[in-house]
Each structure stands twice: as C-alpha cells, then as structure tokens.
C-alpha cells in the first residue's frame, strides 16, 4: 500500500475581521516556508481606521506597517512585494476598531523537504 506524499506547494487564502486585540493570522507550519503573495485590508467603516501588521519570530515583533491610516471606504496593500515566512514565524494584525477593517491575504506554502 502506497503512502500519500505531502503536497509540495499549498495555496492558502486567509480572511479576517481585524479587531483591537493582536491576533496571529498565519504561522508557517513545520517543514514549510510561507511566501505571502498579497496582504490587504479594506476599511468598511464610516471613518479613518488604523492597522498594524507585523512579523513575529521568537517573540520579537517587527512591524511591517504601524498604525497605517486607511480612510473610510478605502483599501490598502500592506506589502510592496512578497514576504518569506520561515517555519515557526508568524504574522499578526491589530486595528483601531473592532469591526471596521477586513483583511485578506494569499500565502503559498512550499515544502522545505
């Protein structure tokens, strides 16, 4: 009986309503490296909101955007290019409102084996 091999490449689409508490929305799994292809946030609220988007490794946060202002009804791309997320690294987001920001990200996970 043959054992199924793990996928070499896996695409992920992540959606999240951004809140006022920092959340980790993606962590690269063991044996994989994540390549973030797109990360954007839309302000569906009635006033300008802010977002902080960060990379976390070994409990150290590196802000990619910090308190980025997004006008009402507007969308912001949070990355100018691609971002590599190594095994165990994670990405976090936090906003200035509990329901006015909607986040979308596309990640390609590729096997390290």
PDB file of N, CA and C in Angstrom:
ATOM      1  N   UNK A   1       0.840  -1.178   0.000  1.00  0.00           N
ATOM      2  CA  UNK A   1       0.000   0.000   0.000  1.00  0.00           C
ATOM      3  C   UNK A   1       0.887   1.244   0.000  1.00  0.00           C
ATOM      4  N   UNK A   2       0.665   2.113  -0.933  1.00  0.00           N
ATOM      5  CA  UNK A   2       1.468   3.333  -1.077  1.00  0.00           C
ATOM      6  C   UNK A   2       1.026   4.390  -0.067  1.00  0.00           C
ATOM      7  N   UNK A   3       2.002   5.127   0.422  1.00  0.00           N
ATOM      8  CA  UNK A   3       1.717   6.222   1.344  1.00  0.00           C
ATOM      9  C   UNK A   3       1.674   7.508   0.529  1.00  0.00           C
ATOM     10  N   UNK A   4       0.627   8.310   0.757  1.00  0.00           N
ATOM     11  CA  UNK A   4       0.483   9.566   0.012  1.00  0.00           C
ATOM     12  C   UNK A   4       1.571  10.542   0.437  1.00  0.00           C
ATOM     13  N   UNK A   5       2.188  11.167  -0.529  1.00  0.00           N
ATOM     14  CA  UNK A   5       3.229  12.169  -0.261  1.00  0.00           C
ATOM     15  C   UNK A   5       2.572  13.498   0.098  1.00  0.00           C
ATOM     16  N   UNK A   6       3.245  14.263   0.945  1.00  0.00           N
ATOM     17  CA  UNK A   6       2.756  15.590   1.299  1.00  0.00           C
ATOM     18  C   UNK A   6       2.860  16.504   0.088  1.00  0.00           C
ATOM     19  N   UNK A   7       1.936  17.439  -0.003  1.00  0.00           N
ATOM     20  CA  UNK A   7       1.952  18.388  -1.121  1.00  0.00           C
ATOM     21  C   UNK A   7       3.208  19.246  -1.055  1.00  0.00           C
ATOM     22  N   UNK A   8       3.798  19.491  -2.214  1.00  0.00           N
ATOM     23  CA  UNK A   8       4.996  20.333  -2.292  1.00  0.00           C
ATOM     24  C   UNK A   8       4.607  21.800  -2.146  1.00  0.00           C
ATOM     25  N   UNK A   9       3.524  22.203  -2.797  1.00  0.00           N
ATOM     26  CA  UNK A   9       3.038  23.580  -2.737  1.00  0.00           C
ATOM     27  C   UNK A   9       1.570  23.584  -2.343  1.00  0.00           C
ATOM     28  N   UNK A  10       1.227  24.445  -1.392  1.00  0.00           N
ATOM     29  CA  UNK A  10      -0.146  24.581  -0.935  1.00  0.00           C
ATOM     30  C   UNK A  10      -0.481  26.071  -0.907  1.00  0.00           C
ATOM     31  N   UNK A  11      -1.583  26.448  -1.565  1.00  0.00           N
ATOM     32  CA  UNK A  11      -2.027  27.839  -1.542  1.00  0.00           C
ATOM     33  C   UNK A  11      -3.054  28.026  -0.437  1.00  0.00           C
ATOM     34  N   UNK A  12      -2.963  29.140   0.286  1.00  0.00           N
ATOM     35  CA  UNK A  12      -3.891  29.476   1.370  1.00  0.00           C
ATOM     36  C   UNK A  12      -4.460  30.865   1.122  1.00  0.00           C
ATOM     37  N   UNK A  13      -5.755  31.008   1.346  1.00  0.00           N
ATOM     38  CA  UNK A  13      -6.395  32.317   1.364  1.00  0.00           C
ATOM     39  C   UNK A  13      -6.898  32.528   2.775  1.00  0.00           C
ATOM     40  N   UNK A  14      -6.500  33.639   3.370  1.00  0.00           N
ATOM     41  CA  UNK A  14      -6.848  33.932   4.758  1.00  0.00           C
ATOM     42  C   UNK A  14      -7.689  35.194   4.790  1.00  0.00           C
ATOM     43  N   UNK A  15      -8.847  35.127   5.436  1.00  0.00           N
ATOM     44  CA  UNK A  15      -9.683  36.302   5.631  1.00  0.00           C
ATOM     45  C   UNK A  15      -9.918  36.482   7.115  1.00  0.00           C
ATOM     46  N   UNK A  16     -10.026  37.730   7.529  1.00  0.00           N
ATOM     47  CA  UNK A  16     -10.142  38.015   8.956  1.00  0.00           C
ATOM     48  C   UNK A  16     -10.765  39.393   9.147  1.00  0.00           C
ATOM     49  N   UNK A  17     -11.721  39.503  10.074  1.00  0.00           N
ATOM     50  CA  UNK A  17     -12.155  40.819  10.529  1.00  0.00           C
ATOM     51  C   UNK A  17     -11.132  41.247  11.570  1.00  0.00           C
ATOM     52  N   UNK A  18     -10.540  42.423  11.365  1.00  0.00           N
ATOM     53  CA  UNK A  18      -9.487  42.900  12.258  1.00  0.00           C
ATOM     54  C   UNK A  18     -10.124  43.528  13.486  1.00  0.00           C
ATOM     55  N   UNK A  19      -9.592  43.188  14.654  1.00  0.00           N
ATOM     56  CA  UNK A  19     -10.101  43.743  15.898  1.00  0.00           C
ATOM     57  C   UNK A  19      -9.056  44.552  16.639  1.00  0.00           C
ATOM     58  N   UNK A  20      -9.389  44.906  17.864  1.00  0.00           N
ATOM     59  CA  UNK A  20      -8.499  45.740  18.677  1.00  0.00           C
ATOM     60  C   UNK A  20      -7.498  44.919  19.484  1.00  0.00           C
ATOM     61  N   UNK A  21      -7.587  43.603  19.389  1.00  0.00           N
ATOM     62  CA  UNK A  21      -6.620  42.724  20.035  1.00  0.00           C
ATOM     63  C   UNK A  21      -5.720  42.108  18.972  1.00  0.00           C
ATOM     64  N   UNK A  22      -4.425  42.065  19.228  1.00  0.00           N
ATOM     65  CA  UNK A  22      -3.471  41.497  18.286  1.00  0.00           C
ATOM     66  C   UNK A  22      -3.738  40.009  18.124  1.00  0.00           C
ATOM     67  N   UNK A  23      -3.848  39.576  16.869  1.00  0.00           N
ATOM     68  CA  UNK A  23      -4.020  38.153  16.587  1.00  0.00           C
ATOM     69  C   UNK A  23      -2.948  37.699  15.607  1.00  0.00           C
ATOM     70  N   UNK A  24      -2.572  36.444  15.745  1.00  0.00           N
ATOM     71  CA  UNK A  24      -1.678  35.815  14.776  1.00  0.00           C
ATOM     72  C   UNK A  24      -2.571  35.146  13.743  1.00  0.00           C
ATOM     73  N   UNK A  25      -2.542  35.629  12.508  1.00  0.00           N
ATOM     74  CA  UNK A  25      -3.429  35.079  11.489  1.00  0.00           C
ATOM     75  C   UNK A  25      -2.749  33.999  10.650  1.00  0.00           C
ATOM     76  N   UNK A  26      -1.408  33.901  10.736  1.00  0.00           N
ATOM     77  CA  UNK A  26      -0.717  32.863   9.969  1.00  0.00           C
ATOM     78  C   UNK A  26       0.586  32.502  10.666  1.00  0.00           C
ATOM     79  N   UNK A  27       0.849  31.196  10.764  1.00  0.00           N
ATOM     80  CA  UNK A  27       2.132  30.679  11.246  1.00  0.00           C
ATOM     81  C   UNK A  27       2.598  29.633  10.245  1.00  0.00           C
ATOM     82  N   UNK A  28       3.839  29.771   9.764  1.00  0.00           N
ATOM     83  CA  UNK A  28       4.370  28.801   8.810  1.00  0.00           C
ATOM     84  C   UNK A  28       4.519  27.449   9.500  1.00  0.00           C
ATOM     85  N   UNK A  29       3.908  26.402   8.941  1.00  0.00           N
ATOM     86  CA  UNK A  29       3.962  25.084   9.573  1.00  0.00           C
ATOM     87  C   UNK A  29       5.345  24.437   9.481  1.00  0.00           C
ATOM     88  N   UNK A  30       5.573  23.458  10.342  1.00  0.00           N
ATOM     89  CA  UNK A  30       6.828  22.701  10.340  1.00  0.00           C
ATOM     90  C   UNK A  30       7.026  22.077   8.962  1.00  0.00           C
ATOM     91  N   UNK A  31       8.216  22.255   8.418  1.00  0.00           N
ATOM     92  CA  UNK A  31       8.546  21.668   7.125  1.00  0.00           C
ATOM     93  C   UNK A  31       8.156  22.524   5.929  1.00  0.00           C
ATOM     94  N   UNK A  32       7.586  23.700   6.178  1.00  0.00           N
ATOM     95  CA  UNK A  32       7.152  24.569   5.085  1.00  0.00           C
ATOM     96  C   UNK A  32       7.652  25.997   5.296  1.00  0.00           C
ATOM     97  N   UNK A  33       7.841  26.694   4.186  1.00  0.00           N
ATOM     98  CA  UNK A  33       8.092  28.126   4.190  1.00  0.00           C
ATOM     99  C   UNK A  33       6.900  28.777   3.509  1.00  0.00           C
ATOM    100  N   UNK A  34       6.365  29.828   4.124  1.00  0.00           N
ATOM    101  CA  UNK A  34       5.253  30.549   3.522  1.00  0.00           C
ATOM    102  C   UNK A  34       5.772  31.741   2.732  1.00  0.00           C
ATOM    103  N   UNK A  35       5.202  31.941   1.563  1.00  0.00           N
ATOM    104  CA  UNK A  35       5.509  33.127   0.768  1.00  0.00           C
ATOM    105  C   UNK A  35       4.201  33.913   0.657  1.00  0.00           C
ATOM    106  N   UNK A  36       4.177  35.081   1.295  1.00  0.00           N
ATOM    107  CA  UNK A  36       2.973  35.906   1.277  1.00  0.00           C
ATOM    108  C   UNK A  36       2.951  36.645  -0.057  1.00  0.00           C
ATOM    109  N   UNK A  37       1.918  36.362  -0.836  1.00  0.00           N
ATOM    110  CA  UNK A  37       1.795  36.944  -2.169  1.00  0.00           C
ATOM    111  C   UNK A  37       1.005  38.248  -2.143  1.00  0.00           C
ATOM    112  N   UNK A  38       0.066  38.356  -1.203  1.00  0.00           N
ATOM    113  CA  UNK A  38      -0.806  39.519  -1.105  1.00  0.00           C
ATOM    114  C   UNK A  38      -1.271  39.664   0.326  1.00  0.00           C
ATOM    115  N   UNK A  39      -1.305  40.880   0.820  1.00  0.00           N
ATOM    116  CA  UNK A  39      -1.933  41.201   2.099  1.00  0.00           C
ATOM    117  C   UNK A  39      -2.546  42.578   1.961  1.00  0.00           C
ATOM    118  N   UNK A  40      -3.857  42.643   2.127  1.00  0.00           N
ATOM    119  CA  UNK A  40      -4.528  43.930   2.017  1.00  0.00           C
ATOM    120  C   UNK A  40      -5.645  44.019   3.038  1.00  0.00           C
ATOM    121  N   UNK A  41      -6.029  45.244   3.337  1.00  0.00           N
ATOM    122  CA  UNK A  41      -7.094  45.492   4.301  1.00  0.00           C
ATOM    123  C   UNK A  41      -8.019  46.554   3.728  1.00  0.00           C
ATOM    124  N   UNK A  42      -9.320  46.363   3.953  1.00  0.00           N
ATOM    125  CA  UNK A  42     -10.330  47.308   3.489  1.00  0.00           C
ATOM    126  C   UNK A  42     -11.045  47.897   4.692  1.00  0.00           C
ATOM    127  N   UNK A  43     -11.207  49.209   4.675  1.00  0.00           N
ATOM    128  CA  UNK A  43     -11.943  49.900   5.729  1.00  0.00           C
ATOM    129  C   UNK A  43     -13.398  50.011   5.284  1.00  0.00           C
ATOM    130  N   UNK A  44     -14.273  49.220   5.904  1.00  0.00           N
ATOM    131  CA  UNK A  44     -15.688  49.250   5.572  1.00  0.00           C
ATOM    132  C   UNK A  44     -16.452  50.183   6.495  1.00  0.00           C
ATOM    133  N   UNK A  45     -15.731  50.858   7.387  1.00  0.00           N
ATOM    134  CA  UNK A  45     -16.349  51.755   8.360  1.00  0.00           C
ATOM    135  C   UNK A  45     -16.642  53.130   7.783  1.00  0.00           C
ATOM    136  N   UNK A  46     -17.104  54.004   8.672  1.00  0.00           N
ATOM    137  CA  UNK A  46     -17.505  55.356   8.299  1.00  0.00           C
ATOM    138  C   UNK A  46     -16.429  56.401   8.556  1.00  0.00           C
ATOM    139  N   UNK A  47     -15.321  55.997   9.190  1.00  0.00           N
ATOM    140  CA  UNK A  47     -14.252  56.950   9.496  1.00  0.00           C
ATOM    141  C   UNK A  47     -12.896  56.278   9.292  1.00  0.00           C
ATOM    142  N   UNK A  48     -11.840  57.083   9.274  1.00  0.00           N
ATOM    143  CA  UNK A  48     -10.490  56.561   9.105  1.00  0.00           C
ATOM    144  C   UNK A  48     -10.139  55.618  10.252  1.00  0.00           C
ATOM    145  N   UNK A  49      -9.544  54.469   9.915  1.00  0.00           N
ATOM    146  CA  UNK A  49      -9.102  53.471  10.890  1.00  0.00           C
ATOM    147  C   UNK A  49      -7.613  53.219  10.663  1.00  0.00           C
ATOM    148  N   UNK A  50      -6.953  52.630  11.654  1.00  0.00           N
ATOM    149  CA  UNK A  50      -5.540  52.289  11.500  1.00  0.00           C
ATOM    150  C   UNK A  50      -5.327  50.790  11.685  1.00  0.00           C
ATOM    151  N   UNK A  51      -4.228  50.313  11.097  1.00  0.00           N
ATOM    152  CA  UNK A  51      -3.857  48.901  11.229  1.00  0.00           C
ATOM    153  C   UNK A  51      -2.355  48.794  11.429  1.00  0.00           C
ATOM    154  N   UNK A  52      -1.968  47.816  12.251  1.00  0.00           N
ATOM    155  CA  UNK A  52      -0.566  47.444  12.412  1.00  0.00           C
ATOM    156  C   UNK A  52      -0.433  45.992  11.975  1.00  0.00           C
ATOM    157  N   UNK A  53       0.547  45.743  11.117  1.00  0.00           N
ATOM    158  CA  UNK A  53       0.800  44.433  10.517  1.00  0.00           C
ATOM    159  C   UNK A  53       2.254  44.098  10.837  1.00  0.00           C
ATOM    160  N   UNK A  54       2.508  42.927  11.461  1.00  0.00           N
ATOM    161  CA  UNK A  54       3.864  42.632  11.929  1.00  0.00           C
ATOM    162  C   UNK A  54       4.260  41.179  11.666  1.00  0.00           C
ATOM    163  N   UNK A  55       5.568  40.963  11.626  1.00  0.00           N
ATOM    164  CA  UNK A  55       6.193  39.640  11.535  1.00  0.00           C
ATOM    165  C   UNK A  55       6.703  39.303  12.928  1.00  0.00           C
ATOM    166  N   UNK A  56       6.466  38.064  13.385  1.00  0.00           N
ATOM    167  CA  UNK A  56       6.906  37.645  14.723  1.00  0.00           C
ATOM    168  C   UNK A  56       7.810  36.429  14.607  1.00  0.00           C
ATOM    169  N   UNK A  57       8.999  36.536  15.228  1.00  0.00           N
ATOM    170  CA  UNK A  57       9.932  35.411  15.309  1.00  0.00           C
ATOM    171  C   UNK A  57      10.501  35.404  16.728  1.00  0.00           C
ATOM    172  N   UNK A  58      10.404  34.240  17.397  1.00  0.00           N
ATOM    173  CA  UNK A  58      10.949  34.091  18.756  1.00  0.00           C
ATOM    174  C   UNK A  58      10.482  35.216  19.681  1.00  0.00           C
ATOM    175  N   UNK A  59       9.181  35.517  19.642  1.00  0.00           N
ATOM    176  CA  UNK A  59       8.562  36.549  20.484  1.00  0.00           C
ATOM    177  C   UNK A  59       9.085  37.953  20.222  1.00  0.00           C
ATOM    178  N   UNK A  60       9.731  38.173  19.077  1.00  0.00           N
ATOM    179  CA  UNK A  60      10.164  39.509  18.680  1.00  0.00           C
ATOM    180  C   UNK A  60       9.320  39.952  17.493  1.00  0.00           C
ATOM    181  N   UNK A  61       8.629  41.074  17.653  1.00  0.00           N
ATOM    182  CA  UNK A  61       7.795  41.614  16.585  1.00  0.00           C
ATOM    183  C   UNK A  61       8.567  42.631  15.762  1.00  0.00           C
ATOM    184  N   UNK A  62       8.412  42.549  14.453  1.00  0.00           N
ATOM    185  CA  UNK A  62       8.944  43.548  13.541  1.00  0.00           C
ATOM    186  C   UNK A  62       7.763  44.092  12.750  1.00  0.00           C
ATOM    187  N   UNK A  63       7.438  45.353  12.980  1.00  0.00           N
ATOM    188  CA  UNK A  63       6.307  45.959  12.308  1.00  0.00           C
ATOM    189  C   UNK A  63       6.612  46.153  10.824  1.00  0.00           C
ATOM    190  N   UNK A  64       5.670  45.746   9.994  1.00  0.00           N
ATOM    191  CA  UNK A  64       5.753  45.977   8.560  1.00  0.00           C
ATOM    192  C   UNK A  64       5.029  47.290   8.250  1.00  0.00           C
ATOM    193  N   UNK A  65       3.878  47.468   8.849  1.00  0.00           N
ATOM    194  CA  UNK A  65       3.186  48.754   8.886  1.00  0.00           C
ATOM    195  C   UNK A  65       2.788  48.987  10.329  1.00  0.00           C
ATOM    196  N   UNK A  66       2.854  50.228  10.788  1.00  0.00           N
ATOM    197  CA  UNK A  66       2.471  50.553  12.166  1.00  0.00           C
ATOM    198  C   UNK A  66       1.497  51.718  12.131  1.00  0.00           C
ATOM    199  N   UNK A  67       0.301  51.470  12.653  1.00  0.00           N
ATOM    200  CA  UNK A  67      -0.748  52.490  12.710  1.00  0.00           C
ATOM    201  C   UNK A  67      -0.979  53.154  11.353  1.00  0.00           C
ATOM    202  N   UNK A  68      -1.026  52.330  10.308  1.00  0.00           N
ATOM    203  CA  UNK A  68      -1.278  52.820   8.955  1.00  0.00           C
ATOM    204  C   UNK A  68      -2.726  53.294   8.860  1.00  0.00           C
ATOM    205  N   UNK A  69      -2.923  54.547   8.510  1.00  0.00           N
ATOM    206  CA  UNK A  69      -4.269  55.122   8.403  1.00  0.00           C
ATOM    207  C   UNK A  69      -4.906  54.723   7.077  1.00  0.00           C
ATOM    208  N   UNK A  70      -6.142  54.230   7.169  1.00  0.00           N
ATOM    209  CA  UNK A  70      -6.901  53.836   5.983  1.00  0.00           C
ATOM    210  C   UNK A  70      -8.218  54.594   6.015  1.00  0.00           C
ATOM    211  N   UNK A  71      -8.436  55.488   5.046  1.00  0.00           N
ATOM    212  CA  UNK A  71      -9.685  56.258   5.022  1.00  0.00           C
ATOM    213  C   UNK A  71     -10.909  55.360   4.842  1.00  0.00           C
ATOM    214  N   UNK A  72     -12.057  55.840   5.266  1.00  0.00           N
ATOM    215  CA  UNK A  72     -13.317  55.108   5.112  1.00  0.00           C
ATOM    216  C   UNK A  72     -13.529  54.746   3.650  1.00  0.00           C
ATOM    217  N   UNK A  73     -13.911  53.504   3.404  1.00  0.00           N
ATOM    218  CA  UNK A  73     -14.199  53.043   2.057  1.00  0.00           C
ATOM    219  C   UNK A  73     -12.977  52.790   1.189  1.00  0.00           C
ATOM    220  N   UNK A  74     -11.805  52.796   1.771  1.00  0.00           N
ATOM    221  CA  UNK A  74     -10.574  52.618   1.001  1.00  0.00           C
ATOM    222  C   UNK A  74      -9.924  51.274   1.337  1.00  0.00           C
ATOM    223  N   UNK A  75      -8.993  50.842   0.485  1.00  0.00           N
ATOM    224  CA  UNK A  75      -8.235  49.606   0.669  1.00  0.00           C
ATOM    225  C   UNK A  75      -6.759  49.926   0.628  1.00  0.00           C
ATOM    226  N   UNK A  76      -5.974  49.254   1.480  1.00  0.00           N
ATOM    227  CA  UNK A  76      -4.522  49.449   1.488  1.00  0.00           C
ATOM    228  C   UNK A  76      -3.831  48.111   1.286  1.00  0.00           C
ATOM    229  N   UNK A  77      -2.835  48.110   0.403  1.00  0.00           N
ATOM    230  CA  UNK A  77      -1.958  46.952   0.260  1.00  0.00           C
ATOM    231  C   UNK A  77      -0.884  47.074   1.327  1.00  0.00           C
ATOM    232  N   UNK A  78      -0.698  46.030   2.121  1.00  0.00           N
ATOM    233  CA  UNK A  78       0.221  46.089   3.254  1.00  0.00           C
ATOM    234  C   UNK A  78       1.643  45.671   2.902  1.00  0.00           C
ATOM    235  N   UNK A  79       1.834  45.074   1.734  1.00  0.00           N
ATOM    236  CA  UNK A  79       3.167  44.654   1.284  1.00  0.00           C
ATOM    237  C   UNK A  79       3.460  45.235  -0.091  1.00  0.00           C
ATOM    238  N   UNK A  80       4.678  45.718  -0.270  1.00  0.00           N
ATOM    239  CA  UNK A  80       5.092  46.217  -1.576  1.00  0.00           C
ATOM    240  C   UNK A  80       5.541  45.080  -2.482  1.00  0.00           C
ATOM    241  N   UNK A  81       5.903  43.945  -1.900  1.00  0.00           N
ATOM    242  CA  UNK A  81       6.358  42.783  -2.657  1.00  0.00           C
ATOM    243  C   UNK A  81       5.977  41.524  -1.906  1.00  0.00           C
ATOM    244  N   UNK A  82       6.736  40.481  -2.101  1.00  0.00           N
ATOM    245  CA  UNK A  82       6.477  39.218  -1.407  1.00  0.00           C
ATOM    246  C   UNK A  82       7.229  39.181  -0.084  1.00  0.00           C
ATOM    247  N   UNK A  83       6.735  38.377   0.846  1.00  0.00           N
ATOM    248  CA  UNK A  83       7.350  38.235   2.161  1.00  0.00           C
ATOM    249  C   UNK A  83       7.530  36.751   2.455  1.00  0.00           C
ATOM    250  N   UNK A  84       8.742  36.344   2.826  1.00  0.00           N
ATOM    251  CA  UNK A  84       9.034  34.954   3.185  1.00  0.00           C
ATOM    252  C   UNK A  84       8.833  34.793   4.687  1.00  0.00           C
ATOM    253  N   UNK A  85       8.066  33.768   5.063  1.00  0.00           N
ATOM    254  CA  UNK A  85       7.802  33.459   6.466  1.00  0.00           C
ATOM    255  C   UNK A  85       8.347  32.057   6.719  1.00  0.00           C
ATOM    256  N   UNK A  86       9.414  31.978   7.500  1.00  0.00           N
ATOM    257  CA  UNK A  86      10.069  30.699   7.749  1.00  0.00           C
ATOM    258  C   UNK A  86       9.300  29.882   8.784  1.00  0.00           C
ATOM    259  N   UNK A  87       9.557  28.565   8.805  1.00  0.00           N
ATOM    260  CA  UNK A  87       8.901  27.663   9.741  1.00  0.00           C
ATOM    261  C   UNK A  87       8.889  28.251  11.144  1.00  0.00           C
ATOM    262  N   UNK A  88       7.700  28.315  11.746  1.00  0.00           N
ATOM    263  CA  UNK A  88       7.537  28.817  13.109  1.00  0.00           C
ATOM    264  C   UNK A  88       7.328  30.317  13.211  1.00  0.00           C
ATOM    265  N   UNK A  89       7.678  31.070  12.173  1.00  0.00           N
ATOM    266  CA  UNK A  89       7.412  32.509  12.174  1.00  0.00           C
ATOM    267  C   UNK A  89       5.914  32.729  12.006  1.00  0.00           C
ATOM    268  N   UNK A  90       5.417  33.872  12.492  1.00  0.00           N
ATOM    269  CA  UNK A  90       4.003  34.171  12.322  1.00  0.00           C
ATOM    270  C   UNK A  90       3.810  35.624  11.916  1.00  0.00           C
ATOM    271  N   UNK A  91       2.607  35.909  11.456  1.00  0.00           N
ATOM    272  CA  UNK A  91       2.212  37.253  11.062  1.00  0.00           C
ATOM    273  C   UNK A  91       1.030  37.674  11.912  1.00  0.00           C
ATOM    274  N   UNK A  92       1.047  38.932  12.353  1.00  0.00           N
ATOM    275  CA  UNK A  92      -0.004  39.424  13.241  1.00  0.00           C
ATOM    276  C   UNK A  92      -0.619  40.705  12.692  1.00  0.00           C
ATOM    277  N   UNK A  93      -1.862  40.953  13.116  1.00  0.00           N
ATOM    278  CA  UNK A  93      -2.549  42.189  12.777  1.00  0.00           C
ATOM    279  C   UNK A  93      -3.321  42.682  13.987  1.00  0.00           C
ATOM    280  N   UNK A  94      -3.496  43.999  14.057  1.00  0.00           N
ATOM    281  CA  UNK A  94      -4.338  44.635  15.063  1.00  0.00           C
ATOM    282  C   UNK A  94      -4.822  45.952  14.483  1.00  0.00           C
ATOM    283  N   UNK A  95      -6.052  46.302  14.777  1.00  0.00           N
ATOM    284  CA  UNK A  95      -6.626  47.528  14.245  1.00  0.00           C
ATOM    285  C   UNK A  95      -7.074  48.474  15.337  1.00  0.00           C
ATOM    286  N   UNK A  96      -7.629  49.588  14.913  1.00  0.00           N
ATOM    287  CA  UNK A  96      -8.101  50.605  15.850  1.00  0.00           C
ATOM    288  C   UNK A  96      -9.595  50.502  16.103  1.00  0.00           C
ATOM    289  N   UNK A  97     -10.236  49.512  15.497  1.00  0.00           N
ATOM    290  CA  UNK A  97     -11.668  49.317  15.660  1.00  0.00           C
ATOM    291  C   UNK A  97     -11.951  47.820  15.753  1.00  0.00           C
ATOM    292  N   UNK A  98     -13.102  47.477  16.307  1.00  0.00           N
ATOM    293  CA  UNK A  98     -13.395  46.051  16.482  1.00  0.00           C
ATOM    294  C   UNK A  98     -14.097  45.420  15.296  1.00  0.00           C
ATOM    295  N   UNK A  99     -14.544  46.215  14.318  1.00  0.00           N
ATOM    296  CA  UNK A  99     -15.269  45.588  13.218  1.00  0.00           C
ATOM    297  C   UNK A  99     -15.183  46.328  11.890  1.00  0.00           C
ATOM    298  N   UNK A 100     -14.472  47.414  11.791  1.00  0.00           N
ATOM    299  CA  UNK A 100     -14.479  48.212  10.565  1.00  0.00           C
ATOM    300  C   UNK A 100     -13.448  47.840   9.526  1.00  0.00           C
ATOM    301  N   UNK A 101     -12.542  46.909   9.847  1.00  0.00           N
ATOM    302  CA  UNK A 101     -11.475  46.550   8.917  1.00  0.00           C
ATOM    303  C   UNK A 101     -11.573  45.075   8.539  1.00  0.00           C
ATOM    304  N   UNK A 102     -11.492  44.789   7.237  1.00  0.00           N
ATOM    305  CA  UNK A 102     -11.496  43.414   6.756  1.00  0.00           C
ATOM    306  C   UNK A 102     -10.180  43.143   6.050  1.00  0.00           C
ATOM    307  N   UNK A 103      -9.561  42.021   6.421  1.00  0.00           N
ATOM    308  CA  UNK A 103      -8.220  41.666   5.969  1.00  0.00           C
ATOM    309  C   UNK A 103      -8.288  40.464   5.037  1.00  0.00           C
ATOM    310  N   UNK A 104      -7.417  40.457   4.016  1.00  0.00           N
ATOM    311  CA  UNK A 104      -7.313  39.345   3.073  1.00  0.00           C
ATOM    312  C   UNK A 104      -5.847  39.109   2.761  1.00  0.00           C
ATOM    313  N   UNK A 105      -5.434  37.840   2.779  1.00  0.00           N
ATOM    314  CA  UNK A 105      -4.048  37.506   2.458  1.00  0.00           C
ATOM    315  C   UNK A 105      -4.006  36.208   1.664  1.00  0.00           C
ATOM    316  N   UNK A 106      -3.045  36.131   0.745  1.00  0.00           N
ATOM    317  CA  UNK A 106      -2.789  34.906  -0.020  1.00  0.00           C
ATOM    318  C   UNK A 106      -1.374  34.450   0.298  1.00  0.00           C
ATOM    319  N   UNK A 107      -1.245  33.165   0.668  1.00  0.00           N
ATOM    320  CA  UNK A 107       0.053  32.604   1.056  1.00  0.00           C
ATOM    321  C   UNK A 107       0.302  31.324   0.269  1.00  0.00           C
ATOM    322  N   UNK A 108       1.504  31.212  -0.269  1.00  0.00           N
ATOM    323  CA  UNK A 108       1.955  29.977  -0.903  1.00  0.00           C
ATOM    324  C   UNK A 108       2.891  29.278   0.073  1.00  0.00           C
ATOM    325  N   UNK A 109       2.507  28.090   0.524  1.00  0.00           N
ATOM    326  CA  UNK A 109       3.373  27.296   1.384  1.00  0.00           C
ATOM    327  C   UNK A 109       4.128  26.309   0.510  1.00  0.00           C
ATOM    328  N   UNK A 110       5.449  26.304   0.649  1.00  0.00           N
ATOM    329  CA  UNK A 110       6.255  25.394  -0.154  1.00  0.00           C
ATOM    330  C   UNK A 110       7.087  24.515   0.774  1.00  0.00           C
ATOM    331  N   UNK A 111       7.165  23.252   0.441  1.00  0.00           N
ATOM    332  CA  UNK A 111       7.844  22.267   1.278  1.00  0.00           C
ATOM    333  C   UNK A 111       9.342  22.543   1.343  1.00  0.00           C
ATOM    334  N   UNK A 112       9.905  22.389   2.533  1.00  0.00           N
ATOM    335  CA  UNK A 112      11.348  22.533   2.726  1.00  0.00           C
ATOM    336  C   UNK A 112      12.092  21.226   2.474  1.00  0.00           C
ATOM    337  N   UNK A 113      11.368  20.161   2.206  1.00  0.00           N
ATOM    338  CA  UNK A 113      11.989  18.845   2.034  1.00  0.00           C
ATOM    339  C   UNK A 113      12.385  18.581   0.625  1.00  0.00           C
TER     340      UNK A 113
END
